[in-house]
């Protein structure tokens, strides 16, 4: 739970920094930066959660993986997702409202 709070706060801080930079830089550059960071975080979320693998591989991983490893993998994917939310909201704001 502590990692989730820290990742959400870090996502908010990164989004705030990009928003401040968008006031001084070209809007297209800050839009690409926020979109790129958000995309990288979402891809990391998808890869660490294991949602791109088939069902038989998922079952094999669940049977061979320890509970500690599963908790660590799940916490990393949740942290990346929570950090991506404010950054992608900023991307949408920069794309459609500015």
PDB file of N, CA and C in Angstrom:
ATOM      1  N   UNK A   1       0.815  -1.189   0.000  1.00  0.00           N
ATOM      2  CA  UNK A   1       0.000   0.000   0.000  1.00  0.00           C
ATOM      3  C   UNK A   1       0.862   1.257   0.000  1.00  0.00           C
ATOM      4  N   UNK A   2       2.002   1.188   0.678  1.00  0.00           N
ATOM      5  CA  UNK A   2       2.900   2.341   0.725  1.00  0.00           C
ATOM      6  C   UNK A   2       3.480   2.628  -0.648  1.00  0.00           C
ATOM      7  N   UNK A   3       3.806   1.557  -1.396  1.00  0.00           N
ATOM      8  CA  UNK A   3       4.338   1.731  -2.741  1.00  0.00           C
ATOM      9  C   UNK A   3       3.297   2.358  -3.668  1.00  0.00           C
ATOM     10  N   UNK A   4       2.038   2.003  -3.488  1.00  0.00           N
ATOM     11  CA  UNK A   4       0.973   2.571  -4.311  1.00  0.00           C
ATOM     12  C   UNK A   4       0.834   4.071  -4.057  1.00  0.00           C
ATOM     13  N   UNK A   5       0.891   4.480  -2.797  1.00  0.00           N
ATOM     14  CA  UNK A   5       0.795   5.906  -2.480  1.00  0.00           C
ATOM     15  C   UNK A   5       1.987   6.670  -3.049  1.00  0.00           C
ATOM     16  N   UNK A   6       3.180   6.100  -2.900  1.00  0.00           N
ATOM     17  CA  UNK A   6       4.371   6.766  -3.412  1.00  0.00           C
ATOM     18  C   UNK A   6       4.349   6.873  -4.934  1.00  0.00           C
ATOM     19  N   UNK A   7       3.853   5.842  -5.597  1.00  0.00           N
ATOM     20  CA  UNK A   7       3.823   5.894  -7.059  1.00  0.00           C
ATOM     21  C   UNK A   7       2.790   6.892  -7.554  1.00  0.00           C
ATOM     22  N   UNK A   8       1.653   6.982  -6.881  1.00  0.00           N
ATOM     23  CA  UNK A   8       0.659   7.972  -7.265  1.00  0.00           C
ATOM     24  C   UNK A   8       1.182   9.386  -7.039  1.00  0.00           C
ATOM     25  N   UNK A   9       1.854   9.600  -5.931  1.00  0.00           N
ATOM     26  CA  UNK A   9       2.441  10.921  -5.645  1.00  0.00           C
ATOM     27  C   UNK A   9       3.532  11.256  -6.659  1.00  0.00           C
ATOM     28  N   UNK A  10       4.361  10.263  -7.013  1.00  0.00           N
ATOM     29  CA  UNK A  10       5.409  10.525  -7.996  1.00  0.00           C
ATOM     30  C   UNK A  10       4.806  10.799  -9.373  1.00  0.00           C
ATOM     31  N   UNK A  11       3.714  10.121  -9.722  1.00  0.00           N
ATOM     32  CA  UNK A  11       3.035  10.418 -10.975  1.00  0.00           C
ATOM     33  C   UNK A  11       2.475  11.824 -10.996  1.00  0.00           C
ATOM     34  N   UNK A  12       1.920  12.259  -9.862  1.00  0.00           N
ATOM     35  CA  UNK A  12       1.416  13.625  -9.766  1.00  0.00           C
ATOM     36  C   UNK A  12       2.539  14.653  -9.875  1.00  0.00           C
ATOM     37  N   UNK A  13       3.673  14.369  -9.270  1.00  0.00           N
ATOM     38  CA  UNK A  13       4.811  15.291  -9.327  1.00  0.00           C
ATOM     39  C   UNK A  13       5.348  15.389 -10.752  1.00  0.00           C
ATOM     40  N   UNK A  14       5.475  14.245 -11.426  1.00  0.00           N
ATOM     41  CA  UNK A  14       5.943  14.257 -12.816  1.00  0.00           C
ATOM     42  C   UNK A  14       4.967  15.007 -13.709  1.00  0.00           C
ATOM     43  N   UNK A  15       3.667  14.780 -13.493  1.00  0.00           N
ATOM     44  CA  UNK A  15       2.659  15.494 -14.287  1.00  0.00           C
ATOM     45  C   UNK A  15       2.725  16.993 -14.026  1.00  0.00           C
ATOM     46  N   UNK A  16       2.944  17.395 -12.792  1.00  0.00           N
ATOM     47  CA  UNK A  16       3.058  18.809 -12.466  1.00  0.00           C
ATOM     48  C   UNK A  16       4.284  19.428 -13.132  1.00  0.00           C
ATOM     49  N   UNK A  17       5.400  18.712 -13.132  1.00  0.00           N
ATOM     50  CA  UNK A  17       6.613  19.215 -13.774  1.00  0.00           C
ATOM     51  C   UNK A  17       6.399  19.370 -15.278  1.00  0.00           C
ATOM     52  N   UNK A  18       5.754  18.388 -15.896  1.00  0.00           N
ATOM     53  CA  UNK A  18       5.490  18.477 -17.334  1.00  0.00           C
ATOM     54  C   UNK A  18       4.524  19.619 -17.626  1.00  0.00           C
ATOM     55  N   UNK A  19       3.530  19.816 -16.762  1.00  0.00           N
ATOM     56  CA  UNK A  19       2.595  20.920 -16.964  1.00  0.00           C
ATOM     57  C   UNK A  19       3.299  22.266 -16.863  1.00  0.00           C
ATOM     58  N   UNK A  20       4.186  22.413 -15.906  1.00  0.00           N
ATOM     59  CA  UNK A  20       4.940  23.664 -15.772  1.00  0.00           C
ATOM     60  C   UNK A  20       5.839  23.870 -16.986  1.00  0.00           C
ATOM     61  N   UNK A  21       6.444  22.779 -17.475  1.00  0.00           N
ATOM     62  CA  UNK A  21       7.267  22.896 -18.679  1.00  0.00           C
ATOM     63  C   UNK A  21       6.430  23.258 -19.894  1.00  0.00           C
ATOM     64  N   UNK A  22       5.177  22.816 -19.931  1.00  0.00           N
ATOM     65  CA  UNK A  22       4.321  23.134 -21.074  1.00  0.00           C
ATOM     66  C   UNK A  22       3.984  24.621 -21.130  1.00  0.00           C
ATOM     67  N   UNK A  23       4.077  25.301 -20.007  1.00  0.00           N
ATOM     68  CA  UNK A  23       3.836  26.734 -20.005  1.00  0.00           C
ATOM     69  C   UNK A  23       4.973  27.495 -20.679  1.00  0.00           C
ATOM     70  N   UNK A  24       6.190  26.924 -20.643  1.00  0.00           N
ATOM     71  CA  UNK A  24       7.357  27.597 -21.197  1.00  0.00           C
ATOM     72  C   UNK A  24       7.788  27.030 -22.541  1.00  0.00           C
ATOM     73  N   UNK A  25       7.508  25.764 -22.783  1.00  0.00           N
ATOM     74  CA  UNK A  25       7.927  25.118 -24.030  1.00  0.00           C
ATOM     75  C   UNK A  25       6.759  25.061 -25.013  1.00  0.00           C
ATOM     76  N   UNK A  26       7.059  24.530 -26.164  1.00  0.00           N
ATOM     77  CA  UNK A  26       6.027  24.283 -27.156  1.00  0.00           C
ATOM     78  C   UNK A  26       5.069  23.215 -26.625  1.00  0.00           C
ATOM     79  N   UNK A  27       3.783  23.389 -26.872  1.00  0.00           N
ATOM     80  CA  UNK A  27       2.785  22.457 -26.354  1.00  0.00           C
ATOM     81  C   UNK A  27       2.964  21.056 -26.936  1.00  0.00           C
ATOM     82  N   UNK A  28       3.406  20.957 -28.178  1.00  0.00           N
ATOM     83  CA  UNK A  28       3.598  19.651 -28.803  1.00  0.00           C
ATOM     84  C   UNK A  28       4.690  18.837 -28.132  1.00  0.00           C
ATOM     85  N   UNK A  29       5.734  19.497 -27.689  1.00  0.00           N
ATOM     86  CA  UNK A  29       6.839  18.792 -27.034  1.00  0.00           C
ATOM     87  C   UNK A  29       6.393  18.223 -25.694  1.00  0.00           C
ATOM     88  N   UNK A  30       5.712  19.032 -24.904  1.00  0.00           N
ATOM     89  CA  UNK A  30       5.252  18.548 -23.598  1.00  0.00           C
ATOM     90  C   UNK A  30       4.183  17.477 -23.747  1.00  0.00           C
ATOM     91  N   UNK A  31       3.401  17.569 -24.811  1.00  0.00           N
ATOM     92  CA  UNK A  31       2.399  16.536 -25.074  1.00  0.00           C
ATOM     93  C   UNK A  31       3.074  15.212 -25.421  1.00  0.00           C
ATOM     94  N   UNK A  32       4.121  15.261 -26.234  1.00  0.00           N
ATOM     95  CA  UNK A  32       4.850  14.033 -26.576  1.00  0.00           C
ATOM     96  C   UNK A  32       5.565  13.443 -25.377  1.00  0.00           C
ATOM     97  N   UNK A  33       6.106  14.304 -24.529  1.00  0.00           N
ATOM     98  CA  UNK A  33       6.801  13.816 -23.335  1.00  0.00           C
ATOM     99  C   UNK A  33       5.830  13.102 -22.412  1.00  0.00           C
ATOM    100  N   UNK A  34       4.686  13.722 -22.136  1.00  0.00           N
ATOM    101  CA  UNK A  34       3.716  13.090 -21.233  1.00  0.00           C
ATOM    102  C   UNK A  34       3.126  11.833 -21.856  1.00  0.00           C
ATOM    103  N   UNK A  35       2.877  11.847 -23.149  1.00  0.00           N
ATOM    104  CA  UNK A  35       2.370  10.647 -23.809  1.00  0.00           C
ATOM    105  C   UNK A  35       3.381   9.514 -23.816  1.00  0.00           C
ATOM    106  N   UNK A  36       4.642   9.853 -24.017  1.00  0.00           N
ATOM    107  CA  UNK A  36       5.689   8.825 -24.018  1.00  0.00           C
ATOM    108  C   UNK A  36       5.898   8.199 -22.647  1.00  0.00           C
ATOM    109  N   UNK A  37       5.937   9.033 -21.630  1.00  0.00           N
ATOM    110  CA  UNK A  37       6.104   8.508 -20.269  1.00  0.00           C
ATOM    111  C   UNK A  37       4.899   7.668 -19.867  1.00  0.00           C
ATOM    112  N   UNK A  38       3.699   8.145 -20.190  1.00  0.00           N
ATOM    113  CA  UNK A  38       2.497   7.375 -19.876  1.00  0.00           C
ATOM    114  C   UNK A  38       2.447   6.051 -20.615  1.00  0.00           C
ATOM    115  N   UNK A  39       2.846   6.061 -21.885  1.00  0.00           N
ATOM    116  CA  UNK A  39       2.865   4.827 -22.670  1.00  0.00           C
ATOM    117  C   UNK A  39       3.873   3.832 -22.124  1.00  0.00           C
ATOM    118  N   UNK A  40       5.036   4.305 -21.735  1.00  0.00           N
ATOM    119  CA  UNK A  40       6.050   3.410 -21.161  1.00  0.00           C
ATOM    120  C   UNK A  40       5.540   2.786 -19.865  1.00  0.00           C
ATOM    121  N   UNK A  41       4.881   3.585 -19.039  1.00  0.00           N
ATOM    122  CA  UNK A  41       4.355   3.052 -17.779  1.00  0.00           C
ATOM    123  C   UNK A  41       3.221   2.049 -18.014  1.00  0.00           C
ATOM    124  N   UNK A  42       2.361   2.299 -18.993  1.00  0.00           N
ATOM    125  CA  UNK A  42       1.282   1.354 -19.286  1.00  0.00           C
ATOM    126  C   UNK A  42       1.840   0.065 -19.872  1.00  0.00           C
ATOM    127  N   UNK A  43       2.836   0.155 -20.736  1.00  0.00           N
ATOM    128  CA  UNK A  43       3.460  -1.056 -21.285  1.00  0.00           C
ATOM    129  C   UNK A  43       4.130  -1.852 -20.177  1.00  0.00           C
ATOM    130  N   UNK A  44       4.784  -1.171 -19.242  1.00  0.00           N
ATOM    131  CA  UNK A  44       5.393  -1.855 -18.101  1.00  0.00           C
ATOM    132  C   UNK A  44       4.329  -2.536 -17.248  1.00  0.00           C
ATOM    133  N   UNK A  45       3.192  -1.876 -17.072  1.00  0.00           N
ATOM    134  CA  UNK A  45       2.085  -2.472 -16.326  1.00  0.00           C
ATOM    135  C   UNK A  45       1.594  -3.745 -17.003  1.00  0.00           C
ATOM    136  N   UNK A  46       1.418  -3.689 -18.309  1.00  0.00           N
ATOM    137  CA  UNK A  46       0.923  -4.846 -19.057  1.00  0.00           C
ATOM    138  C   UNK A  46       1.924  -5.994 -18.999  1.00  0.00           C
ATOM    139  N   UNK A  47       3.207  -5.680 -19.139  1.00  0.00           N
ATOM    140  CA  UNK A  47       4.215  -6.741 -19.128  1.00  0.00           C
ATOM    141  C   UNK A  47       4.369  -7.381 -17.759  1.00  0.00           C
ATOM    142  N   UNK A  48       4.344  -6.577 -16.704  1.00  0.00           N
ATOM    143  CA  UNK A  48       4.542  -7.155 -15.380  1.00  0.00           C
ATOM    144  C   UNK A  48       3.295  -7.855 -14.849  1.00  0.00           C
ATOM    145  N   UNK A  49       2.125  -7.475 -15.344  1.00  0.00           N
ATOM    146  CA  UNK A  49       0.918  -8.159 -14.875  1.00  0.00           C
ATOM    147  C   UNK A  49       0.728  -9.506 -15.547  1.00  0.00           C
ATOM    148  N   UNK A  50       1.354  -9.713 -16.688  1.00  0.00           N
ATOM    149  CA  UNK A  50       1.230 -10.984 -17.389  1.00  0.00           C
ATOM    150  C   UNK A  50      -0.030 -11.094 -18.217  1.00  0.00           C
ATOM    151  N   UNK A  51      -0.601  -9.979 -18.621  1.00  0.00           N
ATOM    152  CA  UNK A  51      -1.847 -10.050 -19.375  1.00  0.00           C
ATOM    153  C   UNK A  51      -1.650 -10.334 -20.856  1.00  0.00           C
ATOM    154  N   UNK A  52      -0.425 -10.366 -21.332  1.00  0.00           N
ATOM    155  CA  UNK A  52      -0.187 -10.662 -22.733  1.00  0.00           C
ATOM    156  C   UNK A  52       0.117 -12.138 -22.999  1.00  0.00           C
ATOM    157  N   UNK A  53       0.149 -12.950 -21.972  1.00  0.00           N
ATOM    158  CA  UNK A  53       0.470 -14.360 -22.181  1.00  0.00           C
ATOM    159  C   UNK A  53      -0.810 -15.190 -22.201  1.00  0.00           C
ATOM    160  N   UNK A  54      -0.707 -16.380 -22.748  1.00  0.00           N
ATOM    161  CA  UNK A  54      -1.888 -17.229 -22.883  1.00  0.00           C
ATOM    162  C   UNK A  54      -2.255 -17.866 -21.541  1.00  0.00           C
ATOM    163  N   UNK A  55      -3.417 -18.485 -21.507  1.00  0.00           N
ATOM    164  CA  UNK A  55      -3.931 -19.063 -20.271  1.00  0.00           C
ATOM    165  C   UNK A  55      -3.099 -20.204 -19.743  1.00  0.00           C
ATOM    166  N   UNK A  56      -2.575 -21.052 -20.636  1.00  0.00           N
ATOM    167  CA  UNK A  56      -1.765 -22.167 -20.148  1.00  0.00           C
ATOM    168  C   UNK A  56      -0.444 -21.694 -19.564  1.00  0.00           C
ATOM    169  N   UNK A  57       0.129 -20.661 -20.139  1.00  0.00           N
ATOM    170  CA  UNK A  57       1.354 -20.099 -19.549  1.00  0.00           C
ATOM    171  C   UNK A  57       1.056 -19.413 -18.216  1.00  0.00           C
ATOM    172  N   UNK A  58      -0.093 -18.786 -18.127  1.00  0.00           N
ATOM    173  CA  UNK A  58      -0.493 -18.140 -16.864  1.00  0.00           C
ATOM    174  C   UNK A  58      -0.643 -19.181 -15.759  1.00  0.00           C
ATOM    175  N   UNK A  59      -1.266 -20.295 -16.080  1.00  0.00           N
ATOM    176  CA  UNK A  59      -1.409 -21.368 -15.089  1.00  0.00           C
ATOM    177  C   UNK A  59      -0.059 -21.943 -14.691  1.00  0.00           C
ATOM    178  N   UNK A  60       0.833 -22.099 -15.663  1.00  0.00           N
ATOM    179  CA  UNK A  60       2.164 -22.624 -15.362  1.00  0.00           C
ATOM    180  C   UNK A  60       2.944 -21.654 -14.475  1.00  0.00           C
ATOM    181  N   UNK A  61       2.822 -20.368 -14.766  1.00  0.00           N
ATOM    182  CA  UNK A  61       3.512 -19.381 -13.936  1.00  0.00           C
ATOM    183  C   UNK A  61       2.943 -19.345 -12.523  1.00  0.00           C
ATOM    184  N   UNK A  62       1.623 -19.471 -12.404  1.00  0.00           N
ATOM    185  CA  UNK A  62       1.009 -19.450 -11.078  1.00  0.00           C
ATOM    186  C   UNK A  62       1.416 -20.655 -10.242  1.00  0.00           C
ATOM    187  N   UNK A  63       1.600 -21.794 -10.892  1.00  0.00           N
ATOM    188  CA  UNK A  63       1.948 -22.988 -10.120  1.00  0.00           C
ATOM    189  C   UNK A  63       3.424 -23.014  -9.725  1.00  0.00           C
ATOM    190  N   UNK A  64       4.278 -22.379 -10.507  1.00  0.00           N
ATOM    191  CA  UNK A  64       5.711 -22.409 -10.192  1.00  0.00           C
ATOM    192  C   UNK A  64       6.179 -21.171  -9.435  1.00  0.00           C
ATOM    193  N   UNK A  65       5.355 -20.153  -9.383  1.00  0.00           N
ATOM    194  CA  UNK A  65       5.751 -18.897  -8.746  1.00  0.00           C
ATOM    195  C   UNK A  65       5.413 -18.918  -7.256  1.00  0.00           C
ATOM    196  N   UNK A  66       6.316 -18.385  -6.457  1.00  0.00           N
ATOM    197  CA  UNK A  66       6.044 -18.330  -5.018  1.00  0.00           C
ATOM    198  C   UNK A  66       5.113 -17.152  -4.713  1.00  0.00           C
ATOM    199  N   UNK A  67       4.512 -17.183  -3.555  1.00  0.00           N
ATOM    200  CA  UNK A  67       3.596 -16.109  -3.166  1.00  0.00           C
ATOM    201  C   UNK A  67       4.303 -14.763  -3.066  1.00  0.00           C
ATOM    202  N   UNK A  68       5.539 -14.788  -2.597  1.00  0.00           N
ATOM    203  CA  UNK A  68       6.321 -13.560  -2.488  1.00  0.00           C
ATOM    204  C   UNK A  68       6.570 -12.940  -3.860  1.00  0.00           C
ATOM    205  N   UNK A  69       6.935 -13.783  -4.839  1.00  0.00           N
ATOM    206  CA  UNK A  69       7.179 -13.280  -6.185  1.00  0.00           C
ATOM    207  C   UNK A  69       5.909 -12.723  -6.815  1.00  0.00           C
ATOM    208  N   UNK A  70       4.784 -13.397  -6.576  1.00  0.00           N
ATOM    209  CA  UNK A  70       3.514 -12.932  -7.130  1.00  0.00           C
ATOM    210  C   UNK A  70       3.108 -11.595  -6.524  1.00  0.00           C
ATOM    211  N   UNK A  71       3.285 -11.438  -5.209  1.00  0.00           N
ATOM    212  CA  UNK A  71       2.956 -10.169  -4.567  1.00  0.00           C
ATOM    213  C   UNK A  71       3.838  -9.044  -5.081  1.00  0.00           C
ATOM    214  N   UNK A  72       5.118  -9.346  -5.281  1.00  0.00           N
ATOM    215  CA  UNK A  72       6.043  -8.338  -5.774  1.00  0.00           C
ATOM    216  C   UNK A  72       5.681  -7.935  -7.203  1.00  0.00           C
ATOM    217  N   UNK A  73       5.357  -8.892  -8.049  1.00  0.00           N
ATOM    218  CA  UNK A  73       4.978  -8.611  -9.430  1.00  0.00           C
ATOM    219  C   UNK A  73       3.687  -7.803  -9.481  1.00  0.00           C
ATOM    220  N   UNK A  74       2.722  -8.175  -8.656  1.00  0.00           N
ATOM    221  CA  UNK A  74       1.459  -7.435  -8.620  1.00  0.00           C
ATOM    222  C   UNK A  74       1.645  -6.013  -8.108  1.00  0.00           C
ATOM    223  N   UNK A  75       2.489  -5.836  -7.106  1.00  0.00           N
ATOM    224  CA  UNK A  75       2.698  -4.486  -6.568  1.00  0.00           C
ATOM    225  C   UNK A  75       3.414  -3.599  -7.574  1.00  0.00           C
ATOM    226  N   UNK A  76       4.324  -4.167  -8.356  1.00  0.00           N
ATOM    227  CA  UNK A  76       5.010  -3.376  -9.385  1.00  0.00           C
ATOM    228  C   UNK A  76       4.032  -2.952 -10.471  1.00  0.00           C
ATOM    229  N   UNK A  77       3.155  -3.864 -10.879  1.00  0.00           N
ATOM    230  CA  UNK A  77       2.202  -3.496 -11.935  1.00  0.00           C
ATOM    231  C   UNK A  77       1.191  -2.470 -11.436  1.00  0.00           C
ATOM    232  N   UNK A  78       0.740  -2.577 -10.203  1.00  0.00           N
ATOM    233  CA  UNK A  78      -0.184  -1.586  -9.646  1.00  0.00           C
ATOM    234  C   UNK A  78       0.504  -0.232  -9.504  1.00  0.00           C
ATOM    235  N   UNK A  79       1.761  -0.238  -9.070  1.00  0.00           N
ATOM    236  CA  UNK A  79       2.492   1.022  -8.903  1.00  0.00           C
ATOM    237  C   UNK A  79       2.698   1.719 -10.245  1.00  0.00           C
ATOM    238  N   UNK A  80       3.036   0.974 -11.278  1.00  0.00           N
ATOM    239  CA  UNK A  80       3.215   1.582 -12.600  1.00  0.00           C
ATOM    240  C   UNK A  80       1.896   2.134 -13.128  1.00  0.00           C
ATOM    241  N   UNK A  81       0.808   1.411 -12.897  1.00  0.00           N
ATOM    242  CA  UNK A  81      -0.494   1.879 -13.359  1.00  0.00           C
ATOM    243  C   UNK A  81      -0.907   3.160 -12.633  1.00  0.00           C
ATOM    244  N   UNK A  82      -0.702   3.195 -11.326  1.00  0.00           N
ATOM    245  CA  UNK A  82      -1.087   4.386 -10.563  1.00  0.00           C
ATOM    246  C   UNK A  82      -0.228   5.593 -10.914  1.00  0.00           C
ATOM    247  N   UNK A  83       1.028   5.363 -11.267  1.00  0.00           N
ATOM    248  CA  UNK A  83       1.879   6.473 -11.678  1.00  0.00           C
ATOM    249  C   UNK A  83       1.487   6.971 -13.068  1.00  0.00           C
ATOM    250  N   UNK A  84       0.952   6.085 -13.898  1.00  0.00           N
ATOM    251  CA  UNK A  84       0.586   6.472 -15.266  1.00  0.00           C
ATOM    252  C   UNK A  84      -0.705   7.269 -15.325  1.00  0.00           C
ATOM    253  N   UNK A  85      -1.605   7.093 -14.375  1.00  0.00           N
ATOM    254  CA  UNK A  85      -2.918   7.746 -14.436  1.00  0.00           C
ATOM    255  C   UNK A  85      -2.813   9.273 -14.518  1.00  0.00           C
ATOM    256  N   UNK A  86      -2.128   9.966 -13.596  1.00  0.00           N
ATOM    257  CA  UNK A  86      -2.097  11.434 -13.714  1.00  0.00           C
ATOM    258  C   UNK A  86      -1.340  11.920 -14.947  1.00  0.00           C
ATOM    259  N   UNK A  87      -0.350  11.156 -15.372  1.00  0.00           N
ATOM    260  CA  UNK A  87       0.420  11.563 -16.549  1.00  0.00           C
ATOM    261  C   UNK A  87      -0.437  11.453 -17.802  1.00  0.00           C
ATOM    262  N   UNK A  88      -1.234  10.399 -17.901  1.00  0.00           N
ATOM    263  CA  UNK A  88      -2.106  10.250 -19.062  1.00  0.00           C
ATOM    264  C   UNK A  88      -3.278  11.228 -19.021  1.00  0.00           C
ATOM    265  N   UNK A  89      -3.740  11.594 -17.842  1.00  0.00           N
ATOM    266  CA  UNK A  89      -4.767  12.632 -17.742  1.00  0.00           C
ATOM    267  C   UNK A  89      -4.207  13.963 -18.236  1.00  0.00           C
ATOM    268  N   UNK A  90      -2.965  14.263 -17.867  1.00  0.00           N
ATOM    269  CA  UNK A  90      -2.316  15.483 -18.354  1.00  0.00           C
ATOM    270  C   UNK A  90      -2.154  15.432 -19.864  1.00  0.00           C
ATOM    271  N   UNK A  91      -1.776  14.278 -20.400  1.00  0.00           N
ATOM    272  CA  UNK A  91      -1.644  14.133 -21.849  1.00  0.00           C
ATOM    273  C   UNK A  91      -2.969  14.442 -22.549  1.00  0.00           C
ATOM    274  N   UNK A  92      -4.059  13.899 -22.030  1.00  0.00           N
ATOM    275  CA  UNK A  92      -5.362  14.176 -22.612  1.00  0.00           C
ATOM    276  C   UNK A  92      -5.732  15.645 -22.524  1.00  0.00           C
ATOM    277  N   UNK A  93      -5.412  16.266 -21.420  1.00  0.00           N
ATOM    278  CA  UNK A  93      -5.683  17.699 -21.250  1.00  0.00           C
ATOM    279  C   UNK A  93      -4.883  18.512 -22.254  1.00  0.00           C
ATOM    280  N   UNK A  94      -3.597  18.193 -22.411  1.00  0.00           N
ATOM    281  CA  UNK A  94      -2.760  18.937 -23.346  1.00  0.00           C
ATOM    282  C   UNK A  94      -3.186  18.699 -24.781  1.00  0.00           C
ATOM    283  N   UNK A  95      -3.655  17.516 -25.075  1.00  0.00           N
ATOM    284  CA  UNK A  95      -4.041  17.194 -26.448  1.00  0.00           C
ATOM    285  C   UNK A  95      -5.359  17.817 -26.848  1.00  0.00           C
ATOM    286  N   UNK A  96      -6.345  17.793 -25.986  1.00  0.00           N
ATOM    287  CA  UNK A  96      -7.688  18.185 -26.388  1.00  0.00           C
ATOM    288  C   UNK A  96      -8.147  19.547 -25.891  1.00  0.00           C
ATOM    289  N   UNK A  97      -7.488  20.096 -24.884  1.00  0.00           N
ATOM    290  CA  UNK A  97      -7.965  21.357 -24.338  1.00  0.00           C
ATOM    291  C   UNK A  97      -7.011  22.529 -24.530  1.00  0.00           C
ATOM    292  N   UNK A  98      -5.786  22.250 -24.885  1.00  0.00           N
ATOM    293  CA  UNK A  98      -4.831  23.379 -25.089  1.00  0.00           C
ATOM    294  C   UNK A  98      -4.393  23.380 -26.531  1.00  0.00           C
TER     295      UNK A  98
END
